[in-house]
PDB file of N, CA and C in Angstrom:
ATOM      1  N   MET A   1       8.554  -2.078   1.306  1.00  0.00           N
ATOM      2  CA  MET A   1       9.827  -2.686   0.997  1.00  0.00           C
ATOM      3  C   MET A   1      10.872  -2.216   2.007  1.00  0.00           C
ATOM      4  N   PRO A   2      11.728  -3.091   2.456  1.00  0.00           N
ATOM      5  CA  PRO A   2      12.756  -2.664   3.396  1.00  0.00           C
ATOM      6  C   PRO A   2      13.787  -1.778   2.715  1.00  0.00           C
ATOM      7  N   ALA A   3      14.366  -0.900   3.492  1.00  0.00           N
ATOM      8  CA  ALA A   3      15.402  -0.004   2.984  1.00  0.00           C
ATOM      9  C   ALA A   3      16.322   0.374   4.135  1.00  0.00           C
ATOM     10  N   PRO A   4      17.602   0.634   3.834  1.00  0.00           N
ATOM     11  CA  PRO A   4      18.521   1.065   4.894  1.00  0.00           C
ATOM     12  C   PRO A   4      17.985   2.304   5.601  1.00  0.00           C
ATOM     13  N   GLY A   5      18.080   2.299   6.909  1.00  0.00           N
ATOM     14  CA  GLY A   5      17.603   3.430   7.693  1.00  0.00           C
ATOM     15  C   GLY A   5      16.109   3.435   7.945  1.00  0.00           C
ATOM     16  N   HIS A   6      15.408   2.406   7.466  1.00  0.00           N
ATOM     17  CA  HIS A   6      13.951   2.355   7.630  1.00  0.00           C
ATOM     18  C   HIS A   6      13.485   1.032   8.239  1.00  0.00           C
ATOM     19  N   ALA A   7      14.347   0.391   9.005  1.00  0.00           N
ATOM     20  CA  ALA A   7      13.974  -0.882   9.625  1.00  0.00           C
ATOM     21  C   ALA A   7      12.755  -0.726  10.526  1.00  0.00           C
ATOM     22  N   HIS A   8      12.673   0.384  11.217  1.00  0.00           N
ATOM     23  CA  HIS A   8      11.532   0.629  12.108  1.00  0.00           C
ATOM     24  C   HIS A   8      10.225   0.662  11.321  1.00  0.00           C
ATOM     25  N   TYR A   9      10.235   1.287  10.142  1.00  0.00           N
ATOM     26  CA  TYR A   9       9.032   1.369   9.316  1.00  0.00           C
ATOM     27  C   TYR A   9       8.658  -0.019   8.786  1.00  0.00           C
ATOM     28  N   ALA A  10       9.651  -0.749   8.271  1.00  0.00           N
ATOM     29  CA  ALA A  10       9.382  -2.073   7.725  1.00  0.00           C
ATOM     30  C   ALA A  10       8.822  -3.006   8.800  1.00  0.00           C
ATOM     31  N   ALA A  11       9.382  -2.953   9.996  1.00  0.00           N
ATOM     32  CA  ALA A  11       8.901  -3.807  11.088  1.00  0.00           C
ATOM     33  C   ALA A  11       7.483  -3.433  11.496  1.00  0.00           C
ATOM     34  N   ALA A  12       7.203  -2.143  11.595  1.00  0.00           N
ATOM     35  CA  ALA A  12       5.865  -1.698  11.985  1.00  0.00           C
ATOM     36  C   ALA A  12       4.832  -2.062  10.923  1.00  0.00           C
ATOM     37  N   LYS A  13       5.172  -1.853   9.653  1.00  0.00           N
ATOM     38  CA  LYS A  13       4.238  -2.172   8.568  1.00  0.00           C
ATOM     39  C   LYS A  13       3.956  -3.663   8.540  1.00  0.00           C
ATOM     40  N   SER A  14       4.980  -4.487   8.703  1.00  0.00           N
ATOM     41  CA  SER A  14       4.779  -5.937   8.736  1.00  0.00           C
ATOM     42  C   SER A  14       3.875  -6.335   9.892  1.00  0.00           C
ATOM     43  N   ALA A  15       4.054  -5.689  11.019  1.00  0.00           N
ATOM     44  CA  ALA A  15       3.211  -5.990  12.181  1.00  0.00           C
ATOM     45  C   ALA A  15       1.750  -5.644  11.909  1.00  0.00           C
ATOM     46  N   VAL A  16       1.510  -4.523  11.272  1.00  0.00           N
ATOM     47  CA  VAL A  16       0.132  -4.126  10.954  1.00  0.00           C
ATOM     48  C   VAL A  16      -0.510  -5.140  10.005  1.00  0.00           C
ATOM     49  N   VAL A  17       0.225  -5.569   8.991  1.00  0.00           N
ATOM     50  CA  VAL A  17      -0.306  -6.537   8.030  1.00  0.00           C
ATOM     51  C   VAL A  17      -0.629  -7.860   8.721  1.00  0.00           C
ATOM     52  N   MET A  18       0.261  -8.347   9.563  1.00  0.00           N
ATOM     53  CA  MET A  18       0.023  -9.615  10.263  1.00  0.00           C
ATOM     54  C   MET A  18      -1.123  -9.496  11.263  1.00  0.00           C
ATOM     55  N   HIS A  19      -1.219  -8.354  11.925  1.00  0.00           N
ATOM     56  CA  HIS A  19      -2.333  -8.131  12.854  1.00  0.00           C
ATOM     57  C   HIS A  19      -3.656  -8.179  12.100  1.00  0.00           C
ATOM     58  N   ALA A  20      -3.709  -7.564  10.934  1.00  0.00           N
ATOM     59  CA  ALA A  20      -4.932  -7.573  10.138  1.00  0.00           C
ATOM     60  C   ALA A  20      -5.282  -8.983   9.681  1.00  0.00           C
ATOM     61  N   ARG A  21      -4.291  -9.772   9.303  1.00  0.00           N
ATOM     62  CA  ARG A  21      -4.570 -11.146   8.888  1.00  0.00           C
ATOM     63  C   ARG A  21      -5.129 -11.969  10.047  1.00  0.00           C
ATOM     64  N   ALA A  22      -4.549 -11.788  11.224  1.00  0.00           N
ATOM     65  CA  ALA A  22      -5.063 -12.497  12.399  1.00  0.00           C
ATOM     66  C   ALA A  22      -6.473 -12.027  12.735  1.00  0.00           C
ATOM     67  N   ALA A  23      -6.701 -10.722  12.649  1.00  0.00           N
ATOM     68  CA  ALA A  23      -8.034 -10.176  12.934  1.00  0.00           C
ATOM     69  C   ALA A  23      -9.056 -10.670  11.916  1.00  0.00           C
ATOM     70  N   ALA A  24      -8.643 -10.820  10.665  1.00  0.00           N
ATOM     71  CA  ALA A  24      -9.556 -11.342   9.641  1.00  0.00           C
ATOM     72  C   ALA A  24     -10.016 -12.749   9.997  1.00  0.00           C
ATOM     73  N   GLN A  25      -9.100 -13.567  10.503  1.00  0.00           N
ATOM     74  CA  GLN A  25      -9.471 -14.920  10.916  1.00  0.00           C
ATOM     75  C   GLN A  25     -10.387 -14.893  12.129  1.00  0.00           C
ATOM     76  N   GLU A  26     -10.077 -13.999  13.050  1.00  0.00           N
ATOM     77  CA  GLU A  26     -10.858 -13.927  14.284  1.00  0.00           C
ATOM     78  C   GLU A  26     -12.266 -13.394  14.054  1.00  0.00           C
ATOM     79  N   TYR A  27     -12.391 -12.363  13.236  1.00  0.00           N
ATOM     80  CA  TYR A  27     -13.685 -11.692  13.064  1.00  0.00           C
ATOM     81  C   TYR A  27     -14.451 -12.114  11.820  1.00  0.00           C
ATOM     82  N   GLY A  28     -13.800 -12.854  10.923  1.00  0.00           N
ATOM     83  CA  GLY A  28     -14.471 -13.309   9.715  1.00  0.00           C
ATOM     84  C   GLY A  28     -15.768 -14.062   9.964  1.00  0.00           C
ATOM     85  N   PRO A  29     -15.800 -14.966  10.943  1.00  0.00           N
ATOM     86  CA  PRO A  29     -17.046 -15.686  11.198  1.00  0.00           C
ATOM     87  C   PRO A  29     -18.218 -14.770  11.588  1.00  0.00           C
ATOM     88  N   ASP A  30     -17.909 -13.564  12.030  1.00  0.00           N
ATOM     89  CA  ASP A  30     -18.951 -12.594  12.377  1.00  0.00           C
ATOM     90  C   ASP A  30     -19.296 -11.673  11.206  1.00  0.00           C
ATOM     91  N   GLY A  31     -18.749 -11.978  10.034  1.00  0.00           N
ATOM     92  CA  GLY A  31     -19.038 -11.175   8.857  1.00  0.00           C
ATOM     93  C   GLY A  31     -18.205  -9.908   8.739  1.00  0.00           C
ATOM     94  N   ILE A  32     -17.153  -9.816   9.527  1.00  0.00           N
ATOM     95  CA  ILE A  32     -16.296  -8.637   9.502  1.00  0.00           C
ATOM     96  C   ILE A  32     -15.032  -8.973   8.720  1.00  0.00           C
ATOM     97  N   ARG A  33     -14.787  -8.208   7.669  1.00  0.00           N
ATOM     98  CA  ARG A  33     -13.586  -8.405   6.856  1.00  0.00           C
ATOM     99  C   ARG A  33     -12.536  -7.385   7.285  1.00  0.00           C
ATOM    100  N   VAL A  34     -11.314  -7.833   7.409  1.00  0.00           N
ATOM    101  CA  VAL A  34     -10.203  -6.956   7.786  1.00  0.00           C
ATOM    102  C   VAL A  34      -9.126  -7.071   6.715  1.00  0.00           C
ATOM    103  N   ASN A  35      -8.714  -5.933   6.180  1.00  0.00           N
ATOM    104  CA  ASN A  35      -7.673  -5.862   5.164  1.00  0.00           C
ATOM    105  C   ASN A  35      -6.791  -4.663   5.465  1.00  0.00           C
ATOM    106  N   THR A  36      -5.655  -4.597   4.796  1.00  0.00           N
ATOM    107  CA  THR A  36      -4.787  -3.428   4.891  1.00  0.00           C
ATOM    108  C   THR A  36      -4.516  -2.902   3.490  1.00  0.00           C
ATOM    109  N   VAL A  37      -4.097  -1.649   3.436  1.00  0.00           N
ATOM    110  CA  VAL A  37      -3.725  -1.010   2.182  1.00  0.00           C
ATOM    111  C   VAL A  37      -2.309  -0.463   2.359  1.00  0.00           C
ATOM    112  N   SER A  38      -1.444  -0.800   1.408  1.00  0.00           N
ATOM    113  CA  SER A  38      -0.061  -0.325   1.434  1.00  0.00           C
ATOM    114  C   SER A  38       0.181   0.565   0.225  1.00  0.00           C
ATOM    115  N   PRO A  39       0.100   1.864   0.427  1.00  0.00           N
ATOM    116  CA  PRO A  39       0.305   2.767  -0.708  1.00  0.00           C
ATOM    117  C   PRO A  39       1.780   2.950  -1.029  1.00  0.00           C
ATOM    118  N   GLY A  40       2.035   3.218  -2.306  1.00  0.00           N
ATOM    119  CA  GLY A  40       3.355   3.631  -2.725  1.00  0.00           C
ATOM    120  C   GLY A  40       3.526   5.110  -2.410  1.00  0.00           C
ATOM    121  N   LEU A  41       4.499   5.733  -3.039  1.00  0.00           N
ATOM    122  CA  LEU A  41       4.759   7.149  -2.782  1.00  0.00           C
ATOM    123  C   LEU A  41       3.611   7.983  -3.344  1.00  0.00           C
ATOM    124  N   ILE A  42       3.041   8.813  -2.501  1.00  0.00           N
ATOM    125  CA  ILE A  42       1.880   9.630  -2.860  1.00  0.00           C
ATOM    126  C   ILE A  42       2.320  11.079  -3.053  1.00  0.00           C
ATOM    127  N   GLU A  43       1.892  11.644  -4.167  1.00  0.00           N
ATOM    128  CA  GLU A  43       2.210  13.036  -4.506  1.00  0.00           C
ATOM    129  C   GLU A  43       1.650  13.976  -3.436  1.00  0.00           C
ATOM    130  N   ARG A  44       2.431  14.983  -3.096  1.00  0.00           N
ATOM    131  CA  ARG A  44       1.977  16.039  -2.185  1.00  0.00           C
ATOM    132  C   ARG A  44       2.748  17.299  -2.517  1.00  0.00           C
ATOM    133  N   ASP A  45       2.211  18.428  -2.101  1.00  0.00           N
ATOM    134  CA  ASP A  45       2.885  19.702  -2.334  1.00  0.00           C
ATOM    135  C   ASP A  45       4.282  19.678  -1.736  1.00  0.00           C
ATOM    136  N   GLY A  46       5.263  20.092  -2.508  1.00  0.00           N
ATOM    137  CA  GLY A  46       6.624  20.219  -2.021  1.00  0.00           C
ATOM    138  C   GLY A  46       7.452  18.949  -2.045  1.00  0.00           C
ATOM    139  N   LEU A  47       6.850  17.811  -2.379  1.00  0.00           N
ATOM    140  CA  LEU A  47       7.588  16.549  -2.340  1.00  0.00           C
ATOM    141  C   LEU A  47       8.728  16.532  -3.354  1.00  0.00           C
ATOM    142  N   ALA A  48       8.463  16.950  -4.577  1.00  0.00           N
ATOM    143  CA  ALA A  48       9.500  16.924  -5.617  1.00  0.00           C
ATOM    144  C   ALA A  48      10.673  17.833  -5.263  1.00  0.00           C
ATOM    145  N   GLU A  49      10.402  18.922  -4.587  1.00  0.00           N
ATOM    146  CA  GLU A  49      11.478  19.823  -4.176  1.00  0.00           C
ATOM    147  C   GLU A  49      12.253  19.269  -2.986  1.00  0.00           C
ATOM    148  N   ALA A  50      11.550  18.608  -2.094  1.00  0.00           N
ATOM    149  CA  ALA A  50      12.184  18.078  -0.889  1.00  0.00           C
ATOM    150  C   ALA A  50      12.983  16.802  -1.159  1.00  0.00           C
ATOM    151  N   TRP A  51      12.582  16.017  -2.155  1.00  0.00           N
ATOM    152  CA  TRP A  51      13.206  14.719  -2.394  1.00  0.00           C
ATOM    153  C   TRP A  51      13.247  14.422  -3.894  1.00  0.00           C
ATOM    154  N   PRO A  52      13.932  15.250  -4.672  1.00  0.00           N
ATOM    155  CA  PRO A  52      13.904  15.099  -6.131  1.00  0.00           C
ATOM    156  C   PRO A  52      14.399  13.750  -6.637  1.00  0.00           C
ATOM    157  N   GLU A  53      15.464  13.241  -6.050  1.00  0.00           N
ATOM    158  CA  GLU A  53      16.008  11.958  -6.508  1.00  0.00           C
ATOM    159  C   GLU A  53      15.042  10.809  -6.215  1.00  0.00           C
ATOM    160  N   GLY A  54      14.441  10.823  -5.046  1.00  0.00           N
ATOM    161  CA  GLY A  54      13.480   9.774  -4.694  1.00  0.00           C
ATOM    162  C   GLY A  54      12.247   9.813  -5.579  1.00  0.00           C
ATOM    163  N   VAL A  55      11.760  11.008  -5.860  1.00  0.00           N
ATOM    164  CA  VAL A  55      10.588  11.147  -6.723  1.00  0.00           C
ATOM    165  C   VAL A  55      10.915  10.641  -8.128  1.00  0.00           C
ATOM    166  N   ARG A  56      12.083  10.976  -8.635  1.00  0.00           N
ATOM    167  CA  ARG A  56      12.487  10.513  -9.958  1.00  0.00           C
ATOM    168  C   ARG A  56      12.551   8.991 -10.004  1.00  0.00           C
ATOM    169  N   ARG A  57      13.200   8.395  -8.995  1.00  0.00           N
ATOM    170  CA  ARG A  57      13.316   6.936  -8.953  1.00  0.00           C
ATOM    171  C   ARG A  57      11.952   6.264  -8.854  1.00  0.00           C
ATOM    172  N   ARG A  58      11.080   6.817  -8.035  1.00  0.00           N
ATOM    173  CA  ARG A  58       9.755   6.219  -7.873  1.00  0.00           C
ATOM    174  C   ARG A  58       8.919   6.323  -9.146  1.00  0.00           C
ATOM    175  N   ARG A  59       9.019   7.453  -9.836  1.00  0.00           N
ATOM    176  CA  ARG A  59       8.293   7.586 -11.112  1.00  0.00           C
ATOM    177  C   ARG A  59       8.806   6.565 -12.124  1.00  0.00           C
ATOM    178  N   GLU A  60      10.110   6.394 -12.171  1.00  0.00           N
ATOM    179  CA  GLU A  60      10.689   5.419 -13.100  1.00  0.00           C
ATOM    180  C   GLU A  60      10.288   3.991 -12.748  1.00  0.00           C
ATOM    181  N   ALA A  61      10.143   3.705 -11.479  1.00  0.00           N
ATOM    182  CA  ALA A  61       9.781   2.354 -11.038  1.00  0.00           C
ATOM    183  C   ALA A  61       8.303   2.049 -11.274  1.00  0.00           C
ATOM    184  N   SER A  62       7.486   3.057 -11.349  1.00  0.00           N
ATOM    185  CA  SER A  62       6.046   2.856 -11.502  1.00  0.00           C
ATOM    186  C   SER A  62       5.713   2.344 -12.896  1.00  0.00           C
ATOM    187  N   ALA A  63       4.906   1.313 -12.969  1.00  0.00           N
ATOM    188  CA  ALA A  63       4.468   0.776 -14.258  1.00  0.00           C
ATOM    189  C   ALA A  63       3.582   1.769 -14.997  1.00  0.00           C
ATOM    190  N   VAL A  64       2.948   2.684 -14.271  1.00  0.00           N
ATOM    191  CA  VAL A  64       2.070   3.673 -14.901  1.00  0.00           C
ATOM    192  C   VAL A  64       2.749   5.029 -15.046  1.00  0.00           C
ATOM    193  N   GLY A  65       4.011   5.143 -14.623  1.00  0.00           N
ATOM    194  CA  GLY A  65       4.806   6.329 -14.884  1.00  0.00           C
ATOM    195  C   GLY A  65       4.491   7.561 -14.068  1.00  0.00           C
ATOM    196  N   ARG A  66       3.904   7.376 -12.911  1.00  0.00           N
ATOM    197  CA  ARG A  66       3.604   8.541 -12.065  1.00  0.00           C
ATOM    198  C   ARG A  66       3.551   8.125 -10.602  1.00  0.00           C
ATOM    199  N   LEU A  67       3.578   9.117  -9.749  1.00  0.00           N
ATOM    200  CA  LEU A  67       3.355   8.863  -8.324  1.00  0.00           C
ATOM    201  C   LEU A  67       1.861   8.690  -8.101  1.00  0.00           C
ATOM    202  N   GLY A  68       1.538   8.179  -6.933  1.00  0.00           N
ATOM    203  CA  GLY A  68       0.142   8.029  -6.590  1.00  0.00           C
ATOM    204  C   GLY A  68      -0.486   9.359  -6.210  1.00  0.00           C
ATOM    205  N   ARG A  69      -1.792   9.368  -6.239  1.00  0.00           N
ATOM    206  CA  ARG A  69      -2.575  10.514  -5.782  1.00  0.00           C
ATOM    207  C   ARG A  69      -3.408  10.050  -4.592  1.00  0.00           C
ATOM    208  N   PRO A  70      -3.754  10.944  -3.701  1.00  0.00           N
ATOM    209  CA  PRO A  70      -4.570  10.525  -2.562  1.00  0.00           C
ATOM    210  C   PRO A  70      -5.830   9.769  -2.977  1.00  0.00           C
ATOM    211  N   GLU A  71      -6.445  10.187  -4.073  1.00  0.00           N
ATOM    212  CA  GLU A  71      -7.675   9.507  -4.500  1.00  0.00           C
ATOM    213  C   GLU A  71      -7.417   8.077  -4.969  1.00  0.00           C
ATOM    214  N   ASP A  72      -6.197   7.769  -5.411  1.00  0.00           N
ATOM    215  CA  ASP A  72      -5.875   6.389  -5.768  1.00  0.00           C
ATOM    216  C   ASP A  72      -5.999   5.474  -4.553  1.00  0.00           C
ATOM    217  N   VAL A  73      -5.500   5.940  -3.433  1.00  0.00           N
ATOM    218  CA  VAL A  73      -5.578   5.161  -2.193  1.00  0.00           C
ATOM    219  C   VAL A  73      -7.020   5.121  -1.691  1.00  0.00           C
ATOM    220  N   GLY A  74      -7.701   6.255  -1.755  1.00  0.00           N
ATOM    221  CA  GLY A  74      -9.101   6.305  -1.336  1.00  0.00           C
ATOM    222  C   GLY A  74      -9.971   5.360  -2.146  1.00  0.00           C
ATOM    223  N   ASP A  75      -9.757   5.329  -3.462  1.00  0.00           N
ATOM    224  CA  ASP A  75     -10.538   4.422  -4.311  1.00  0.00           C
ATOM    225  C   ASP A  75     -10.312   2.968  -3.924  1.00  0.00           C
ATOM    226  N   ALA A  76      -9.077   2.619  -3.599  1.00  0.00           N
ATOM    227  CA  ALA A  76      -8.783   1.243  -3.178  1.00  0.00           C
ATOM    228  C   ALA A  76      -9.510   0.910  -1.879  1.00  0.00           C
ATOM    229  N   CYS A  77      -9.541   1.863  -0.956  1.00  0.00           N
ATOM    230  CA  CYS A  77     -10.240   1.643   0.319  1.00  0.00           C
ATOM    231  C   CYS A  77     -11.743   1.500   0.112  1.00  0.00           C
ATOM    232  N   VAL A  78     -12.305   2.334  -0.755  1.00  0.00           N
ATOM    233  CA  VAL A  78     -13.739   2.236  -1.054  1.00  0.00           C
ATOM    234  C   VAL A  78     -14.046   0.874  -1.664  1.00  0.00           C
ATOM    235  N   PHE A  79     -13.185   0.430  -2.586  1.00  0.00           N
ATOM    236  CA  PHE A  79     -13.374  -0.899  -3.178  1.00  0.00           C
ATOM    237  C   PHE A  79     -13.384  -1.973  -2.089  1.00  0.00           C
ATOM    238  N   LEU A  80     -12.391  -1.961  -1.198  1.00  0.00           N
ATOM    239  CA  LEU A  80     -12.323  -2.992  -0.158  1.00  0.00           C
ATOM    240  C   LEU A  80     -13.523  -2.959   0.775  1.00  0.00           C
ATOM    241  N   ALA A  81     -14.096  -1.787   0.971  1.00  0.00           N
ATOM    242  CA  ALA A  81     -15.267  -1.666   1.851  1.00  0.00           C
ATOM    243  C   ALA A  81     -16.570  -2.008   1.129  1.00  0.00           C
ATOM    244  N   SER A  82     -16.517  -2.158  -0.184  1.00  0.00           N
ATOM    245  CA  SER A  82     -17.730  -2.372  -0.974  1.00  0.00           C
ATOM    246  C   SER A  82     -18.099  -3.850  -1.070  1.00  0.00           C
ATOM    247  N   PRO A  83     -19.325  -4.114  -1.504  1.00  0.00           N
ATOM    248  CA  PRO A  83     -19.732  -5.503  -1.740  1.00  0.00           C
ATOM    249  C   PRO A  83     -18.913  -6.192  -2.831  1.00  0.00           C
ATOM    250  N   LEU A  84     -18.252  -5.425  -3.698  1.00  0.00           N
ATOM    251  CA  LEU A  84     -17.412  -6.021  -4.735  1.00  0.00           C
ATOM    252  C   LEU A  84     -16.241  -6.798  -4.143  1.00  0.00           C
ATOM    253  N   ALA A  85     -15.879  -6.480  -2.899  1.00  0.00           N
ATOM    254  CA  ALA A  85     -14.758  -7.153  -2.233  1.00  0.00           C
ATOM    255  C   ALA A  85     -15.246  -8.071  -1.120  1.00  0.00           C
ATOM    256  N   SER A  86     -16.457  -8.589  -1.263  1.00  0.00           N
ATOM    257  CA  SER A  86     -17.064  -9.354  -0.170  1.00  0.00           C
ATOM    258  C   SER A  86     -16.329 -10.637   0.181  1.00  0.00           C
ATOM    259  N   TRP A  87     -15.465 -11.111  -0.691  1.00  0.00           N
ATOM    260  CA  TRP A  87     -14.730 -12.344  -0.396  1.00  0.00           C
ATOM    261  C   TRP A  87     -13.242 -12.080  -0.234  1.00  0.00           C
ATOM    262  N   ILE A  88     -12.902 -10.846   0.045  1.00  0.00           N
ATOM    263  CA  ILE A  88     -11.505 -10.477   0.278  1.00  0.00           C
ATOM    264  C   ILE A  88     -11.345 -10.191   1.761  1.00  0.00           C
ATOM    265  N   ALA A  89     -10.502 -10.956   2.403  1.00  0.00           N
ATOM    266  CA  ALA A  89     -10.249 -10.780   3.836  1.00  0.00           C
ATOM    267  C   ALA A  89      -8.814 -11.204   4.133  1.00  0.00           C
ATOM    268  N   GLY A  90      -8.178 -10.476   5.025  1.00  0.00           N
ATOM    269  CA  GLY A  90      -6.814 -10.797   5.416  1.00  0.00           C
ATOM    270  C   GLY A  90      -5.806 -10.484   4.327  1.00  0.00           C
ATOM    271  N   HIS A  91      -6.139  -9.535   3.474  1.00  0.00           N
ATOM    272  CA  HIS A  91      -5.282  -9.211   2.333  1.00  0.00           C
ATOM    273  C   HIS A  91      -4.644  -7.832   2.508  1.00  0.00           C
ATOM    274  N   ASP A  92      -3.421  -7.697   2.013  1.00  0.00           N
ATOM    275  CA  ASP A  92      -2.763  -6.394   1.961  1.00  0.00           C
ATOM    276  C   ASP A  92      -2.795  -5.933   0.506  1.00  0.00           C
ATOM    277  N   LEU A  93      -3.584  -4.923   0.222  1.00  0.00           N
ATOM    278  CA  LEU A  93      -3.709  -4.403  -1.133  1.00  0.00           C
ATOM    279  C   LEU A  93      -2.626  -3.346  -1.357  1.00  0.00           C
ATOM    280  N   VAL A  94      -1.686  -3.667  -2.213  1.00  0.00           N
ATOM    281  CA  VAL A  94      -0.594  -2.753  -2.528  1.00  0.00           C
ATOM    282  C   VAL A  94      -1.072  -1.825  -3.644  1.00  0.00           C
ATOM    283  N   VAL A  95      -1.072  -0.536  -3.349  1.00  0.00           N
ATOM    284  CA  VAL A  95      -1.542   0.482  -4.297  1.00  0.00           C
ATOM    285  C   VAL A  95      -0.334   1.353  -4.619  1.00  0.00           C
ATOM    286  N   ASP A  96       0.471   0.876  -5.585  1.00  0.00           N
ATOM    287  CA  ASP A  96       1.739   1.557  -5.857  1.00  0.00           C
ATOM    288  C   ASP A  96       2.020   1.762  -7.346  1.00  0.00           C
ATOM    289  N   GLY A  97       0.982   1.677  -8.171  1.00  0.00           N
ATOM    290  CA  GLY A  97       1.179   1.892  -9.599  1.00  0.00           C
ATOM    291  C   GLY A  97       2.031   0.839 -10.264  1.00  0.00           C
ATOM    292  N   GLY A  98       2.156  -0.309  -9.636  1.00  0.00           N
ATOM    293  CA  GLY A  98       2.930  -1.413 -10.213  1.00  0.00           C
ATOM    294  C   GLY A  98       4.410  -1.373  -9.875  1.00  0.00           C
ATOM    295  N   ALA A  99       4.830  -0.506  -8.959  1.00  0.00           N
ATOM    296  CA  ALA A  99       6.261  -0.399  -8.645  1.00  0.00           C
ATOM    297  C   ALA A  99       6.827  -1.710  -8.094  1.00  0.00           C
ATOM    298  N   THR A 100       6.079  -2.408  -7.267  1.00  0.00           N
ATOM    299  CA  THR A 100       6.603  -3.660  -6.708  1.00  0.00           C
ATOM    300  C   THR A 100       6.559  -4.804  -7.702  1.00  0.00           C
ATOM    301  N   ALA A 101       5.908  -4.611  -8.837  1.00  0.00           N
ATOM    302  CA  ALA A 101       5.889  -5.636  -9.889  1.00  0.00           C
ATOM    303  C   ALA A 101       7.162  -5.566 -10.729  1.00  0.00           C
ATOM    304  N   ARG A 102       7.901  -4.486 -10.576  1.00  0.00           N
ATOM    305  CA  ARG A 102       9.112  -4.283 -11.357  1.00  0.00           C
ATOM    306  C   ARG A 102      10.245  -5.141 -10.795  1.00  0.00           C
ATOM    307  N   PRO A 103      10.984  -5.832 -11.659  1.00  0.00           N
ATOM    308  CA  PRO A 103      12.109  -6.628 -11.152  1.00  0.00           C
ATOM    309  C   PRO A 103      13.199  -5.727 -10.562  1.00  0.00           C
ATOM    310  N   THR A 104      13.799  -6.199  -9.504  1.00  0.00           N
ATOM    311  CA  THR A 104      14.889  -5.437  -8.869  1.00  0.00           C
ATOM    312  C   THR A 104      16.257  -5.974  -9.256  1.00  0.00           C
ATOM    313  N   TRP A 105      16.307  -6.924 -10.154  1.00  0.00           N
ATOM    314  CA  TRP A 105      17.581  -7.501 -10.580  1.00  0.00           C
ATOM    315  C   TRP A 105      17.898  -7.107 -11.989  1.00  0.00           C
TER     316      TRP A 105
END
């Protein structure tokens, strides 16, 4: 999601997603699937102390009431690499605990 002071991040992330979609079209005929994963805020040591207000806001925004864990993102990647995702290509899988499903109005 775009935010003040983070235009560089938003532009770079959008570029990665579009590159993956183009690559999915290019390599799909060869049986190669290309996807991206966009994680929400991931818990790490010291994060709550370094950014208490941001952590609070992100927890409140999450539909599941917590920040992500590294294994949440890893599980999503394993799923995309598995045969269970054999018909998923050119997709950006948002792994954010439902934060982007929350209305902003």
